[in-house]
């Protein structure tokens, strides 16, 4: 049985509203994993858990900065809170800009590196002041020598994308960033698709087929078909182009020249 960390137990209770025994049991069964414990509490029907977790991840802003002269670097950081009201306050916005400036200085993709002792303390003070949970959820920093980094921020600052391409082309970079914002791909090509996500989807499709009573011998074929459809939907170059659904985005990109998408990120406030 996993050893239960007291601080994790306390955080789980505060975040979900669950009782001591329920929270402890969830941590024990999840091996001490906080996120899995939250999911267990939701599965068990602890009403406060679902309500509290959704409030924590629902609102906030994505703060962004970039090199608007040479387009050689860009930075994104997502900061969450419980309500839109707090997200619009000067205190929240000022804290967001301070974290963003730290990100530009540290040039990191790791929130643990970004959030030094001073920033953590300021986050706690802000949380106490506004009476909401404030969380720096994720960050990204791109820098290039020979390519271009382009950042798109959707009105409202709750959705932003960042892409690095080569060779530089502002028009092409804008189009890629807009496609990513609209369609939410998880990878550029099938080869770099996250293996853990594919495995998760495979298990879901297998369970669905079994629940429908499909014969064992055809389940693999059903699962493969669903996985191919999932890859088409979530892989950037295979997705329908948002301005012409008759072609894939990869086909459109090829028609514009020999451009390479090196990497991208898409931050949407409140997504899992």
Protein backbone atom coordinates (compact mmCIF):
# COMPACT_ATOMS: atom_id res chain seq x y z
CA UNK A 1 0.00 0.00 0.00
CA UNK A 2 1.35 3.43 -0.98
CA UNK A 3 2.43 5.76 1.81
CA UNK A 4 0.03 8.68 1.99
CA UNK A 5 1.66 12.10 2.02
CA UNK A 6 -0.10 14.34 4.56
CA UNK A 7 0.20 17.46 2.39
CA UNK A 8 -1.26 15.65 -0.62
CA UNK A 9 -4.11 14.36 1.52
CA UNK A 10 -4.86 17.85 2.78
CA UNK A 11 -4.72 19.33 -0.73
CA UNK A 12 -7.05 16.63 -2.05
CA UNK A 13 -9.60 17.36 0.69
CA UNK A 14 -9.40 21.13 0.11
CA UNK A 15 -9.64 20.75 -3.67
CA UNK A 16 -12.54 18.31 -3.74
CA UNK A 17 -14.47 18.84 -0.53
CA UNK A 18 -14.21 15.11 0.17
CA UNK A 19 -14.16 13.72 3.70
CA UNK A 20 -10.98 12.46 5.33
CA UNK A 21 -11.69 8.76 4.87
CA UNK A 22 -12.86 9.14 1.27
CA UNK A 23 -9.78 11.19 0.35
CA UNK A 24 -7.45 8.75 2.11
CA UNK A 25 -9.04 5.75 0.38
CA UNK A 26 -8.77 7.45 -3.02
CA UNK A 27 -5.06 8.14 -2.51
CA UNK A 28 -4.43 4.59 -1.34
CA UNK A 29 -6.16 3.08 -4.37
CA UNK A 30 -4.41 5.49 -6.78
CA UNK A 31 -0.97 4.77 -5.37
CA UNK A 32 -0.67 8.31 -4.04
CA UNK A 33 -1.35 9.94 -7.44
CA UNK A 34 -3.31 13.17 -6.87
CA UNK A 35 -5.00 13.39 -10.29
CA UNK A 36 -6.03 9.72 -10.25
CA UNK A 37 -7.41 10.19 -6.74
CA UNK A 38 -9.58 13.07 -7.96
CA UNK A 39 -10.91 10.89 -10.77
CA UNK A 40 -11.72 8.12 -8.30
CA UNK A 41 -13.66 10.53 -6.08
CA UNK A 42 -15.62 11.69 -9.12
CA UNK A 43 -16.28 8.07 -10.12
CA UNK A 44 -17.52 7.26 -6.61
CA UNK A 45 -20.02 10.09 -6.86
CA UNK A 46 -18.50 12.48 -4.33
CA UNK A 47 -20.50 15.46 -5.60
CA UNK A 48 -18.23 18.13 -4.20
CA UNK A 49 -15.23 16.65 -5.95
CA UNK A 50 -16.62 17.13 -9.43
CA UNK A 51 -17.90 20.61 -8.66
CA UNK A 52 -14.69 21.82 -7.07
CA UNK A 53 -12.36 20.41 -9.69
CA UNK A 54 -14.33 21.96 -12.53
CA UNK A 55 -14.24 25.33 -10.80
CA UNK A 56 -10.48 25.13 -10.37
CA UNK A 57 -9.69 24.47 -14.01
CA UNK A 58 -12.43 26.42 -15.73
CA UNK A 59 -11.17 30.02 -15.82
CA UNK A 60 -7.96 31.99 -16.17
CA UNK A 61 -5.78 33.37 -18.96
CA UNK A 62 -2.96 32.43 -21.27
CA UNK A 63 -0.28 35.11 -21.06
CA UNK A 64 1.92 35.49 -24.14
CA UNK A 65 4.96 37.37 -25.37
CA UNK A 66 7.03 37.15 -28.54
CA UNK A 67 9.69 38.77 -30.68
CA UNK A 68 7.53 40.90 -32.97
CA UNK A 69 10.50 42.13 -35.00
CA UNK A 70 12.49 39.06 -36.03
CA UNK A 71 10.13 36.33 -34.71
CA UNK A 72 12.97 34.36 -33.11
CA UNK A 73 11.32 33.53 -29.77
CA UNK A 74 7.94 33.19 -28.11
CA UNK A 75 6.58 32.42 -24.65
CA UNK A 76 3.23 31.15 -23.31
CA UNK A 77 2.07 30.51 -19.76
CA UNK A 78 -1.38 29.37 -18.62
CA UNK A 79 -2.57 30.54 -15.22
CA UNK A 80 -5.82 29.18 -13.84
CA UNK A 81 -8.33 30.46 -11.32
CA UNK A 82 -11.89 29.60 -10.34
CA UNK A 83 -13.94 32.46 -11.80
CA UNK A 84 -13.86 34.84 -14.76
CA UNK A 85 -14.27 37.73 -12.32
CA UNK A 86 -10.89 37.00 -10.69
CA UNK A 87 -9.23 36.41 -14.07
CA UNK A 88 -10.11 39.98 -15.07
CA UNK A 89 -8.81 41.65 -11.90
CA UNK A 90 -5.68 43.80 -11.95
CA UNK A 91 -4.10 41.61 -9.26
CA UNK A 92 -4.46 38.46 -11.38
CA UNK A 93 -3.28 40.21 -14.56
CA UNK A 94 -0.26 41.73 -12.81
CA UNK A 95 0.70 38.35 -11.39
CA UNK A 96 0.36 36.81 -14.85
CA UNK A 97 2.67 39.38 -16.39
CA UNK A 98 5.21 38.82 -13.63
CA UNK A 99 5.20 35.06 -14.26
CA UNK A 100 5.48 35.69 -18.01
CA UNK A 101 8.52 37.92 -17.49
CA UNK A 102 10.12 35.19 -15.39
CA UNK A 103 9.46 32.72 -18.20
CA UNK A 104 11.16 34.98 -20.74
CA UNK A 105 14.16 35.21 -18.44
CA UNK A 106 14.38 31.50 -17.60
CA UNK A 107 13.48 30.15 -21.06
CA UNK A 108 11.93 26.94 -19.75
CA UNK A 109 9.07 24.52 -20.50
CA UNK A 110 8.99 23.31 -16.90
CA UNK A 111 6.60 24.98 -14.45
CA UNK A 112 8.68 23.66 -11.54
CA UNK A 113 11.72 25.52 -12.88
CA UNK A 114 9.67 28.62 -13.63
CA UNK A 115 8.04 28.89 -10.22
CA UNK A 116 10.79 29.84 -7.80
CA UNK A 117 10.19 30.47 -4.12
CA UNK A 118 9.34 34.15 -4.63
CA UNK A 119 6.71 33.47 -7.31
CA UNK A 120 5.17 30.64 -5.29
CA UNK A 121 4.83 32.95 -2.31
CA UNK A 122 3.23 35.67 -4.45
CA UNK A 123 0.81 33.09 -5.84
CA UNK A 124 -0.18 32.07 -2.32
CA UNK A 125 -0.71 35.70 -1.31
CA UNK A 126 -2.87 36.32 -4.37
CA UNK A 127 -4.88 33.18 -3.64
CA UNK A 128 -5.51 34.36 -0.08
CA UNK A 129 -6.52 37.81 -1.27
CA UNK A 130 -9.04 36.73 -3.93
CA UNK A 131 -10.23 33.63 -1.98
CA UNK A 132 -9.68 31.35 -4.96
CA UNK A 133 -7.20 28.69 -5.95
CA UNK A 134 -4.59 30.14 -8.32
CA UNK A 135 -2.45 27.73 -10.32
CA UNK A 136 0.35 28.20 -12.85
CA UNK A 137 -0.56 25.20 -14.98
CA UNK A 138 1.89 25.01 -17.88
CA UNK A 139 4.40 27.04 -19.84
CA UNK A 140 6.34 26.91 -23.10
CA UNK A 141 9.29 28.80 -24.53
CA UNK A 142 10.43 28.50 -28.15
CA UNK A 143 13.62 29.97 -29.59
CA UNK A 144 15.09 29.52 -33.05
CA UNK A 145 18.22 30.58 -34.92
CA UNK A 146 17.19 29.99 -38.54
CA UNK A 147 13.42 29.55 -38.40
CA UNK A 148 10.44 31.58 -37.22
CA UNK A 149 8.40 31.45 -34.02
CA UNK A 150 4.85 32.76 -34.33
CA UNK A 151 2.31 33.22 -31.52
CA UNK A 152 -1.44 33.52 -31.99
CA UNK A 153 -3.66 34.63 -29.10
CA UNK A 154 -7.41 34.30 -29.56
CA UNK A 155 -9.52 37.26 -28.35
CA UNK A 156 -10.18 36.84 -24.64
CA UNK A 157 -6.74 35.29 -23.98
CA UNK A 158 -8.16 31.88 -23.11
CA UNK A 159 -6.69 30.16 -26.16
CA UNK A 160 -3.23 30.58 -27.66
CA UNK A 161 -0.96 28.68 -30.00
CA UNK A 162 2.74 28.88 -30.75
CA UNK A 163 4.55 27.32 -33.70
CA UNK A 164 8.11 27.13 -35.02
CA UNK A 165 8.56 26.73 -38.78
CA UNK A 166 11.35 26.69 -41.34
CA UNK A 167 12.03 28.54 -43.58
CA UNK A 168 10.55 31.75 -42.15
CA UNK A 169 7.26 32.96 -43.64
CA UNK A 170 4.87 35.11 -41.67
CA UNK A 171 1.86 34.23 -43.82
CA UNK A 172 2.51 30.48 -43.56
CA UNK A 173 3.19 30.64 -39.81
CA UNK A 174 -0.07 32.54 -39.23
CA UNK A 175 -2.06 29.97 -41.18
CA UNK A 176 -0.51 27.08 -39.25
CA UNK A 177 -1.17 28.78 -35.90
CA UNK A 178 -4.81 29.42 -36.84
CA UNK A 179 -5.29 25.80 -37.98
CA UNK A 180 -3.89 24.55 -34.67
CA UNK A 181 -6.12 26.92 -32.70
CA UNK A 182 -9.26 25.85 -34.56
CA UNK A 183 -8.67 22.11 -34.84
CA UNK A 184 -6.70 21.20 -31.71
CA UNK A 185 -4.22 18.64 -33.11
CA UNK A 186 -2.07 16.64 -30.70
CA UNK A 187 0.86 15.98 -33.05
CA UNK A 188 2.31 17.11 -36.37
CA UNK A 189 2.61 13.64 -37.93
CA UNK A 190 1.60 10.13 -36.98
CA UNK A 191 5.23 9.27 -36.17
CA UNK A 192 5.43 11.80 -33.33
CA UNK A 193 1.98 11.10 -31.90
CA UNK A 194 2.13 10.57 -28.10
CA UNK A 195 2.22 6.82 -27.51
CA UNK A 196 0.43 7.05 -24.16
CA UNK A 197 -2.56 8.77 -25.75
CA UNK A 198 -2.77 6.15 -28.49
CA UNK A 199 -2.66 3.38 -25.91
CA UNK A 200 -5.38 5.07 -23.88
CA UNK A 201 -7.62 5.38 -26.94
CA UNK A 202 -6.95 1.78 -27.92
CA UNK A 203 -8.12 0.55 -24.52
CA UNK A 204 -11.25 2.70 -24.71
CA UNK A 205 -12.15 1.33 -28.16
CA UNK A 206 -11.52 -2.24 -27.02
CA UNK A 207 -13.83 -1.81 -24.02
CA UNK A 208 -16.51 -0.21 -26.19
CA UNK A 209 -16.40 -3.11 -28.66
CA UNK A 210 -16.63 -5.66 -25.86
CA UNK A 211 -19.56 -3.84 -24.25
CA UNK A 212 -21.36 -3.93 -27.60
CA UNK A 213 -20.86 -7.69 -27.73
CA UNK A 214 -18.64 -7.73 -30.82
CA UNK A 215 -16.94 -11.07 -31.60
CA UNK A 216 -13.40 -11.34 -30.25
CA UNK A 217 -11.93 -12.05 -33.67
CA UNK A 218 -13.13 -8.77 -35.21
CA UNK A 219 -12.42 -6.47 -32.25
CA UNK A 220 -8.80 -5.76 -33.37
CA UNK A 221 -10.08 -4.68 -36.79
CA UNK A 222 -12.69 -2.40 -35.22
CA UNK A 223 -10.10 -0.88 -32.90
CA UNK A 224 -7.62 -0.28 -35.73
CA UNK A 225 -10.30 1.49 -37.76
CA UNK A 226 -11.22 3.76 -34.87
CA UNK A 227 -7.56 4.53 -34.17
CA UNK A 228 -6.99 5.53 -37.80
CA UNK A 229 -9.97 7.88 -37.61
CA UNK A 230 -8.66 9.32 -34.34
CA UNK A 231 -5.22 9.92 -35.89
CA UNK A 232 -6.77 11.70 -38.88
CA UNK A 233 -8.72 13.93 -36.52
CA UNK A 234 -5.84 14.75 -34.16
CA UNK A 235 -2.77 14.79 -36.45
CA UNK A 236 -2.11 18.22 -37.95
CA UNK A 237 -1.11 17.24 -41.48
CA UNK A 238 -4.06 14.84 -41.88
CA UNK A 239 -6.75 17.19 -40.58
CA UNK A 240 -9.14 18.92 -43.00
CA UNK A 241 -7.86 22.39 -43.85
CA UNK A 242 -10.12 24.89 -42.08
CA UNK A 243 -10.54 26.99 -45.23
CA UNK A 244 -11.15 24.05 -47.57
CA UNK A 245 -12.47 20.78 -46.12
CA UNK A 246 -11.84 19.01 -49.42
CA UNK A 247 -8.10 18.89 -48.77
CA UNK A 248 -5.92 18.06 -45.78
CA UNK A 249 -3.85 20.70 -44.08
CA UNK A 250 -0.74 18.79 -45.15
CA UNK A 251 -1.83 19.05 -48.80
CA UNK A 252 -2.35 22.79 -48.44
CA UNK A 253 1.07 23.23 -46.83
CA UNK A 254 2.79 21.28 -49.65
CA UNK A 255 1.09 23.48 -52.21
CA UNK A 256 2.77 26.51 -50.64
CA UNK A 257 6.32 25.21 -50.76
CA UNK A 258 8.82 23.15 -48.78
CA UNK A 259 7.93 24.28 -45.26
CA UNK A 260 8.69 22.27 -42.15
CA UNK A 261 6.68 22.54 -38.93
CA UNK A 262 9.26 21.91 -36.24
CA UNK A 263 7.03 22.06 -33.15
CA UNK A 264 3.90 23.63 -31.73
CA UNK A 265 1.90 24.03 -28.55
CA UNK A 266 -1.75 24.88 -27.98
CA UNK A 267 -2.93 26.14 -24.61
CA UNK A 268 -6.66 26.39 -23.92
CA UNK A 269 -7.75 27.45 -20.46
CA UNK A 270 -9.56 24.73 -18.57
CA UNK A 271 -8.74 21.78 -20.81
CA UNK A 272 -7.52 18.55 -19.26
